[in-house]
Each structure stands twice: as C-alpha cells, then as structure tokens.
Amino acid sequence: MAHQIVALIAQYGLLLVFLNVLVAQAGLPLPAVPTLVVAGTLAAVGKLPLWGVLMAALAACLISDFAWYAAGRRYGAGVMRTLCRVSLSPDSCVRQSELRFQRWRAPVLLVAKFVPGLSTVAPPLVGAMGLKPRLFLLFDAFGSLLWAGTAAALGFVFADELERVLGMFEGTGTLAAGLLVVLLAAYILLKWSQRRRLLVALGMARIEVDELAQALRSERPPLVLDVRAAGSRGLDDRSIPGAIVFDPSALDTVLAGVPHERELVLYCNCPNEVSAARAAQWLKMQGYRQVRPLRGGLEAWVAGGYAIERAQVEVPATSATSPAT
C-alpha cells in the first residue's frame, strides 16, 4: 500500500505540486514548501522533471496571485481587510505589508513568498496601489520561480538524505500519512491559538463612534490619532476631522506638550482594530492613561454618517498644549 502511494506521488507529482501551491497561494493554511522539497528530491532521482516542477509551481502562483491582484485592483483596501479578517496572523497582515511595499514597491514581490503573512496579501495590495499588470506579472513570476526553485533545490541537493526519510515514510504506510495529518492540524491549531491570544491581549476597552462624536463636541475633546500606514491612507484618503497621523518615530513632535492625562482615541481600518490596539498598548507604556481604540475604526465612523475630511490636519498648538482631565 505504501509503495503504491509513493508511486502515485511520483506519477501525479506535477499535479500535486500545482494543486498544493495553488491553494496555498489562495490563502489556505496548507504549506507548499514541503511538497516542493519532496518534488525536488524526486527530480534528483529521475522520478519527476525538475523543469516541470518549477513550471507547475509557477503556473499555480500566477493563477492565484493574479486573481488576488485583480481583486485588489478592483476593490481596493476592502480585499486586504477581508484577508486579515480570516488570516491566522492578523497582527502581521495589512499594516506590515503596506510598510514593506512603501519601502520596496514592486520588488517586494520578489521576496513576498519568503515572508510569513505577506505572500497572500502582497498581490491584492500592489493591485490596490496601482501597480501595472505587466510589472506585476514580471516581478511575481521572478519571485515565484525564486521561491519554488529554492525549495526544490533543497530537495535536489539533499536528495540522498531526504530519500532515506521518504523510505521510512514508505515503510510506515498509513502511520506516516496519519502523522502528516496530525502535524498539519497542529500547525493550524498553533496559528489559531496565537491569533486568539493576540485578540484577547488586545481586548482593551473601545470607544464607540457615537461616544466619540459626542466627546469631540465637548469643551475638552480627545485627541484623535490615525494609526493607518501611509499606504492605507493613500488608498483611502478619508479621515476623521481633526485627526493627526500617528508616527512612533516622531512621537515627541506629534504629542509635544500633550499631558499624560489627555484622552487619546486611535483608529485604523483593520479587523478587530489590531493596529489601533497595539498602538494604544504602546502609548500606555509611555505613560498615557486614557487611550482607547475606536471600535470599528474609520469604516464604523463613516457608516455612522459622521463628517469626514480628505486632507490631513496638523495638531493645533493650542490643542496640543491645552490642559485635560
């Protein structure tokens, strides 16, 4: 039975490579690197053509990635929010991807598949940010070949060692298959557990949009901080009136003269207000006592029918230095 399974893998290896890479790049938690490494090992012993492995992986990457790219180009930031809402790693999703894209632009696609949390997000992100289709296909193709080639090369170079491991798997039959299933389930469970711990840790008190709107009309309004990355603000230039950009590297300038008792409200456009909650935690560590994320972020503010503005507003000197209780 085990011998037949190995024979099937050798016979339909290219199809398995294609399907595994396709679903992995679509965002499902099914790692494709182990499959590529095994395919490289089979190529080294003549059971699979190495060029076929690379072409199968390339075709799968381009199909899946271009679908996400087209979705991002058409639907913009909403696609990334949807991805992060179902992501097993929401804390490393849109914001970190935007920061990498701002630094590297199109060449980020060359390394995206090597970075956890970036592989699936990068195609819709560059699409939403207006990268031309020709450039996307060029960089994504090179990045896909680099990623698939690296994994397959590991299997090819260490074929003798990996072939012995495969032989052990062949000898254990269904036990080995069951072990692989258990390991995959453990990986998914670990990522899900990390996600839950993050959301619980960030379960601080939120401020509702109606409460914020009322507070902004009071004599001592809170200071509103926009924690979105520049790339996200470029996709959606709406902002809450009076909000200022939160930049940790320029905190001394942004919050110059703001007493630690001043109420601060932070908003983003990410699921569960992850970026805003993280920034709020950081500000509390700096000594600010009244810091709350806005529940639902900018989308909830807009859905509530409240006013927005298009241009960023700097902090007025009187506002930054006014006393607060």
Protein backbone atom coordinates (compact mmCIF):
# COMPACT_ATOMS: atom_id res chain seq x y z
CA MET A 1 0.00 0.00 0.00
CA ALA A 2 2.75 2.43 0.96
CA HIS A 3 4.66 1.58 -2.24
CA GLN A 4 1.57 2.37 -4.31
CA ILE A 5 1.17 5.73 -2.57
CA VAL A 6 4.78 6.65 -3.35
CA ALA A 7 4.24 5.53 -6.97
CA LEU A 8 1.16 7.76 -7.22
CA ILE A 9 3.12 10.71 -5.88
CA ALA A 10 5.79 10.10 -8.49
CA GLN A 11 3.22 9.68 -11.28
CA TYR A 12 0.99 12.62 -10.39
CA GLY A 13 3.66 14.71 -8.68
CA LEU A 14 3.29 17.71 -11.00
CA LEU A 15 -0.45 17.82 -10.49
CA LEU A 16 0.01 17.59 -6.73
CA VAL A 17 2.59 20.39 -6.85
CA PHE A 18 0.25 22.55 -8.89
CA LEU A 19 -2.77 21.99 -6.62
CA ASN A 20 -0.84 22.41 -3.37
CA VAL A 21 0.81 25.65 -4.48
CA LEU A 22 -2.48 26.94 -5.90
CA VAL A 23 -4.44 26.52 -2.66
CA ALA A 24 -1.52 27.75 -0.54
CA GLN A 25 -1.24 30.97 -2.55
CA ALA A 26 -5.02 31.33 -2.40
CA GLY A 27 -4.64 31.72 1.35
CA LEU A 28 -5.49 28.27 2.72
CA PRO A 29 -3.19 27.06 5.54
CA LEU A 30 -1.66 24.21 3.52
CA PRO A 31 2.13 24.72 3.37
CA ALA A 32 3.52 24.12 -0.12
CA VAL A 33 7.23 24.16 0.71
CA PRO A 34 7.34 20.52 1.95
CA THR A 35 5.70 19.40 -1.29
CA LEU A 36 8.24 21.34 -3.36
CA VAL A 37 11.13 19.91 -1.35
CA VAL A 38 9.86 16.35 -1.88
CA ALA A 39 9.30 17.10 -5.58
CA GLY A 40 12.92 18.29 -5.79
CA THR A 41 14.06 15.03 -4.25
CA LEU A 42 12.02 13.01 -6.74
CA ALA A 43 13.52 15.11 -9.54
CA ALA A 44 17.02 14.28 -8.32
CA VAL A 45 16.34 10.55 -8.61
CA GLY A 46 14.69 10.88 -12.01
CA LYS A 47 11.08 10.36 -10.98
CA LEU A 48 9.98 13.91 -11.84
CA PRO A 49 11.29 16.51 -14.31
CA LEU A 50 12.74 19.47 -12.39
CA TRP A 51 11.63 21.94 -15.06
CA GLY A 52 8.11 20.50 -14.78
CA VAL A 53 8.07 21.05 -11.01
CA LEU A 54 9.10 24.68 -11.46
CA MET A 55 6.60 25.29 -14.27
CA ALA A 56 3.76 23.72 -12.27
CA ALA A 57 4.59 25.89 -9.27
CA LEU A 58 4.94 28.98 -11.46
CA ALA A 59 1.58 28.40 -13.16
CA ALA A 60 -0.17 27.90 -9.82
CA CYS A 61 1.38 31.04 -8.35
CA LEU A 62 0.48 33.21 -11.33
CA ILE A 63 -3.12 31.98 -11.44
CA SER A 64 -3.76 32.50 -7.73
CA ASP A 65 -1.71 35.69 -7.39
CA PHE A 66 -3.23 37.37 -10.43
CA ALA A 67 -6.73 36.61 -9.14
CA TRP A 68 -5.87 38.38 -5.86
CA TYR A 69 -4.13 41.18 -7.77
CA ALA A 70 -7.24 41.76 -9.91
CA ALA A 71 -9.44 41.75 -6.80
CA GLY A 72 -7.20 44.30 -5.12
CA ARG A 73 -7.13 46.46 -8.23
CA ARG A 74 -10.93 46.47 -8.41
CA TYR A 75 -11.99 46.50 -4.76
CA GLY A 76 -9.05 48.23 -3.10
CA ALA A 77 -8.42 48.15 0.64
CA GLY A 78 -11.54 46.09 1.31
CA VAL A 79 -9.81 43.00 -0.08
CA MET A 80 -6.95 43.31 2.44
CA ARG A 81 -9.38 43.80 5.31
CA THR A 82 -11.19 40.62 4.24
CA LEU A 83 -7.92 38.71 4.04
CA CYS A 84 -6.83 39.83 7.50
CA ARG A 85 -10.25 39.07 8.95
CA VAL A 86 -9.76 35.38 8.13
CA SER A 87 -5.97 35.37 8.48
CA LEU A 88 -4.36 33.19 11.13
CA SER A 89 -1.86 36.01 11.68
CA PRO A 90 -3.89 39.25 11.79
CA ASP A 91 -1.16 41.19 13.57
CA SER A 92 1.26 40.77 10.64
CA CYS A 93 -1.20 41.41 7.88
CA VAL A 94 -2.05 44.67 6.14
CA ARG A 95 -0.03 47.25 8.05
CA GLN A 96 3.29 45.39 7.89
CA SER A 97 2.66 44.54 4.24
CA GLU A 98 2.00 48.20 3.44
CA LEU A 99 5.21 49.25 5.18
CA ARG A 100 7.22 46.73 3.15
CA PHE A 101 5.53 47.84 -0.08
CA GLN A 102 6.25 51.52 0.69
CA ARG A 103 9.94 50.68 1.08
CA TRP A 104 10.40 48.26 -1.84
CA ARG A 105 7.45 48.93 -4.19
CA ALA A 106 7.17 46.28 -6.95
CA PRO A 107 10.37 44.37 -5.97
CA VAL A 108 8.63 43.32 -2.75
CA LEU A 109 7.05 40.58 -4.89
CA LEU A 110 10.50 39.02 -5.28
CA VAL A 111 10.63 38.17 -1.58
CA ALA A 112 6.95 38.16 -0.58
CA LYS A 113 6.63 34.36 -0.62
CA PHE A 114 9.52 34.01 1.82
CA VAL A 115 7.85 36.26 4.43
CA PRO A 116 5.06 34.83 6.61
CA GLY A 117 1.88 36.89 6.39
CA LEU A 118 2.99 38.69 3.23
CA SER A 119 2.66 36.06 0.49
CA THR A 120 -1.14 36.20 0.12
CA VAL A 121 -1.52 39.88 1.00
CA ALA A 122 1.09 41.25 -1.41
CA PRO A 123 -0.76 40.63 -4.73
CA PRO A 124 -4.02 42.43 -3.78
CA LEU A 125 -2.01 45.14 -2.03
CA VAL A 126 0.07 46.04 -5.09
CA GLY A 127 -3.07 45.80 -7.22
CA ALA A 128 -4.91 48.24 -4.97
CA MET A 129 -1.93 50.58 -5.04
CA GLY A 130 -2.00 50.72 -8.82
CA LEU A 131 0.94 48.56 -9.91
CA LYS A 132 0.66 47.96 -13.66
CA PRO A 133 -0.28 44.41 -14.75
CA ARG A 134 2.90 43.93 -16.80
CA LEU A 135 5.12 44.85 -13.86
CA PHE A 136 3.08 42.65 -11.54
CA LEU A 137 3.39 39.60 -13.78
CA LEU A 138 7.12 40.22 -14.29
CA PHE A 139 8.03 40.56 -10.63
CA ASP A 140 5.57 37.93 -9.44
CA ALA A 141 6.93 35.41 -11.96
CA PHE A 142 10.52 36.01 -10.89
CA GLY A 143 9.56 35.89 -7.22
CA SER A 144 7.58 32.68 -7.69
CA LEU A 145 10.44 30.97 -9.53
CA LEU A 146 12.90 32.11 -6.87
CA TRP A 147 10.71 30.74 -4.07
CA ALA A 148 9.80 27.45 -5.79
CA GLY A 149 13.33 26.99 -7.07
CA THR A 150 14.81 27.45 -3.60
CA ALA A 151 12.52 24.83 -2.08
CA ALA A 152 13.00 22.36 -4.93
CA ALA A 153 16.77 22.93 -4.87
CA LEU A 154 16.88 21.93 -1.20
CA GLY A 155 15.22 18.63 -2.09
CA PHE A 156 17.50 18.18 -5.11
CA VAL A 157 20.75 18.88 -3.24
CA PHE A 158 19.88 16.81 -0.18
CA ALA A 159 18.19 14.07 -2.20
CA ASP A 160 20.07 11.21 -0.56
CA GLU A 161 19.12 12.25 2.96
CA LEU A 162 15.52 13.03 2.03
CA GLU A 163 15.17 9.81 0.04
CA ARG A 164 16.02 7.88 3.19
CA VAL A 165 13.34 9.84 5.04
CA LEU A 166 10.85 9.08 2.27
CA GLY A 167 11.81 5.43 2.53
CA MET A 168 10.99 5.49 6.21
CA PHE A 169 7.62 7.03 5.40
CA GLU A 170 7.02 4.35 2.78
CA GLY A 171 7.75 1.66 5.29
CA THR A 172 5.38 3.04 7.90
CA GLY A 173 2.46 3.26 5.45
CA THR A 174 -0.73 4.72 6.87
CA LEU A 175 1.04 5.62 10.13
CA ALA A 176 3.16 8.17 8.25
CA ALA A 177 0.12 9.59 6.49
CA GLY A 178 -1.64 9.93 9.83
CA LEU A 179 1.43 11.67 11.27
CA LEU A 180 1.43 14.21 8.44
CA VAL A 181 -2.25 14.94 9.05
CA VAL A 182 -1.58 15.40 12.78
CA LEU A 183 1.34 17.74 12.09
CA LEU A 184 -0.76 19.85 9.71
CA ALA A 185 -3.60 20.02 12.23
CA ALA A 186 -1.12 21.01 14.95
CA TYR A 187 0.26 23.80 12.75
CA ILE A 188 -3.23 25.21 12.09
CA LEU A 189 -4.13 24.90 15.78
CA LEU A 190 -0.94 26.72 16.80
CA LYS A 191 -1.62 29.62 14.44
CA TRP A 192 -5.24 29.82 15.57
CA SER A 193 -4.13 29.80 19.21
CA GLN A 194 -1.68 32.63 18.53
CA ARG A 195 -4.47 34.61 16.90
CA ARG A 196 -6.80 34.10 19.87
CA ARG A 197 -4.10 35.09 22.38
CA LEU A 198 -3.42 38.24 20.40
CA LEU A 199 -7.07 39.25 20.28
CA VAL A 200 -7.53 38.53 23.99
CA ALA A 201 -4.42 40.54 24.84
CA LEU A 202 -5.77 43.43 22.78
CA GLY A 203 -9.23 43.18 24.33
CA MET A 204 -8.97 46.60 25.96
CA ALA A 205 -11.92 48.95 26.26
CA ARG A 206 -13.04 50.53 22.99
CA ILE A 207 -14.84 53.80 22.38
CA GLU A 208 -17.97 53.71 20.23
CA VAL A 209 -18.38 56.10 17.29
CA ASP A 210 -21.40 57.83 18.87
CA GLU A 211 -19.44 58.35 22.08
CA LEU A 212 -16.51 59.79 20.16
CA ALA A 213 -18.74 62.13 18.14
CA GLN A 214 -20.24 63.46 21.36
CA ALA A 215 -16.82 63.81 23.01
CA LEU A 216 -15.47 65.81 20.05
CA ARG A 217 -18.22 68.38 20.63
CA SER A 218 -17.31 68.80 24.30
CA GLU A 219 -15.13 71.52 25.82
CA ARG A 220 -12.26 69.09 26.27
CA PRO A 221 -12.30 66.88 23.16
CA PRO A 222 -10.00 63.87 22.90
CA LEU A 223 -7.01 63.89 20.60
CA VAL A 224 -7.73 61.59 17.64
CA LEU A 225 -4.81 59.70 16.09
CA ASP A 226 -4.86 57.96 12.71
CA VAL A 227 -2.62 54.88 13.04
CA ARG A 228 -3.04 53.67 9.45
CA ALA A 229 0.09 53.20 7.39
CA ALA A 230 0.78 55.72 4.64
CA GLY A 231 -0.12 53.12 2.01
CA SER A 232 -3.53 52.62 3.57
CA ARG A 233 -4.14 56.38 3.70
CA GLY A 234 -3.13 56.54 0.05
CA LEU A 235 -5.83 54.00 -0.80
CA ASP A 236 -8.42 55.79 1.32
CA ASP A 237 -7.76 59.49 1.96
CA ARG A 238 -10.79 59.90 4.20
CA SER A 239 -10.10 60.76 7.81
CA ILE A 240 -11.91 61.85 10.95
CA PRO A 241 -11.90 65.67 11.17
CA GLY A 242 -9.00 66.89 13.27
CA ALA A 243 -7.22 63.52 13.31
CA ILE A 244 -3.44 63.53 13.12
CA VAL A 245 -1.11 60.86 11.82
CA PHE A 246 0.38 58.62 14.48
CA ASP A 247 4.09 58.14 13.83
CA PRO A 248 6.01 56.45 16.68
CA SER A 249 9.32 57.73 15.28
CA ALA A 250 8.07 61.32 15.60
CA LEU A 251 6.14 60.90 18.83
CA ASP A 252 7.97 63.75 20.60
CA THR A 253 6.83 66.14 17.87
CA VAL A 254 3.31 64.79 17.41
CA LEU A 255 2.48 64.73 21.11
CA ALA A 256 4.69 67.62 22.21
CA GLY A 257 3.11 69.21 25.26
CA VAL A 258 0.22 66.75 25.44
CA PRO A 259 -0.20 65.79 29.10
CA HIS A 260 -0.42 62.12 30.01
CA GLU A 261 -3.95 62.73 31.34
CA ARG A 262 -5.20 63.79 27.89
CA GLU A 263 -7.69 61.38 26.38
CA LEU A 264 -6.40 59.79 23.17
CA VAL A 265 -8.52 57.92 20.62
CA LEU A 266 -6.85 55.82 17.94
CA TYR A 267 -8.39 54.40 14.78
CA CYS A 268 -7.36 52.22 11.86
CA ASN A 269 -9.15 50.24 9.15
CA CYS A 270 -8.02 46.77 10.19
CA PRO A 271 -10.10 43.88 11.60
CA ASN A 272 -10.57 43.91 15.38
CA GLU A 273 -8.77 47.27 15.49
CA VAL A 274 -5.49 45.34 15.81
CA SER A 275 -3.19 48.19 14.74
CA ALA A 276 -5.03 50.75 16.90
CA ALA A 277 -5.00 48.42 19.91
CA ARG A 278 -1.30 47.74 19.53
CA ALA A 279 -0.55 51.46 19.29
CA ALA A 280 -2.75 52.06 22.33
CA GLN A 281 -0.79 49.49 24.30
CA TRP A 282 2.43 51.19 23.30
CA LEU A 283 1.14 54.64 24.31
CA LYS A 284 0.08 53.29 27.69
CA MET A 285 3.62 52.05 28.19
CA GLN A 286 4.75 55.63 27.53
CA GLY A 287 2.57 56.84 30.40
CA TYR A 288 -0.64 57.96 28.66
CA ARG A 289 -3.51 56.88 30.88
CA GLN A 290 -6.66 57.43 28.78
CA VAL A 291 -6.08 55.66 25.48
CA ARG A 292 -8.81 53.78 23.61
CA PRO A 293 -9.15 52.36 20.08
CA LEU A 294 -12.25 53.32 18.10
CA ARG A 295 -14.48 50.28 17.70
CA GLY A 296 -14.94 49.52 14.02
CA GLY A 297 -12.34 52.11 13.02
CA LEU A 298 -12.84 54.51 10.13
CA GLU A 299 -15.44 52.31 8.45
CA ALA A 300 -17.69 52.44 11.52
CA TRP A 301 -17.30 56.23 11.69
CA VAL A 302 -18.32 56.60 8.05
CA ALA A 303 -21.18 54.12 8.45
CA GLY A 304 -22.45 56.19 11.35
CA GLY A 305 -22.95 59.13 9.00
CA TYR A 306 -20.39 61.39 10.64
CA ALA A 307 -18.35 64.02 8.83
CA ILE A 308 -15.05 63.17 7.18
CA GLU A 309 -12.29 65.22 5.60
CA ARG A 310 -9.86 64.45 2.83
CA ALA A 311 -6.72 66.34 3.86
CA GLN A 312 -4.60 65.59 6.88
CA VAL A 313 -4.89 68.15 9.64
CA GLU A 314 -1.91 69.06 11.79
CA VAL A 315 -2.29 69.40 15.55
CA PRO A 316 -3.06 72.99 16.51
CA ALA A 317 -0.63 74.29 19.09
CA THR A 318 -3.44 75.30 21.44
CA SER A 319 -5.00 71.84 21.20
CA ALA A 320 -1.75 70.04 21.90
CA THR A 321 -0.97 72.15 24.95
CA SER A 322 -4.44 72.58 26.39
CA PRO A 323 -4.98 71.00 29.80
CA ALA A 324 -7.02 67.84 30.03
CA THR A 325 -8.62 65.91 32.78
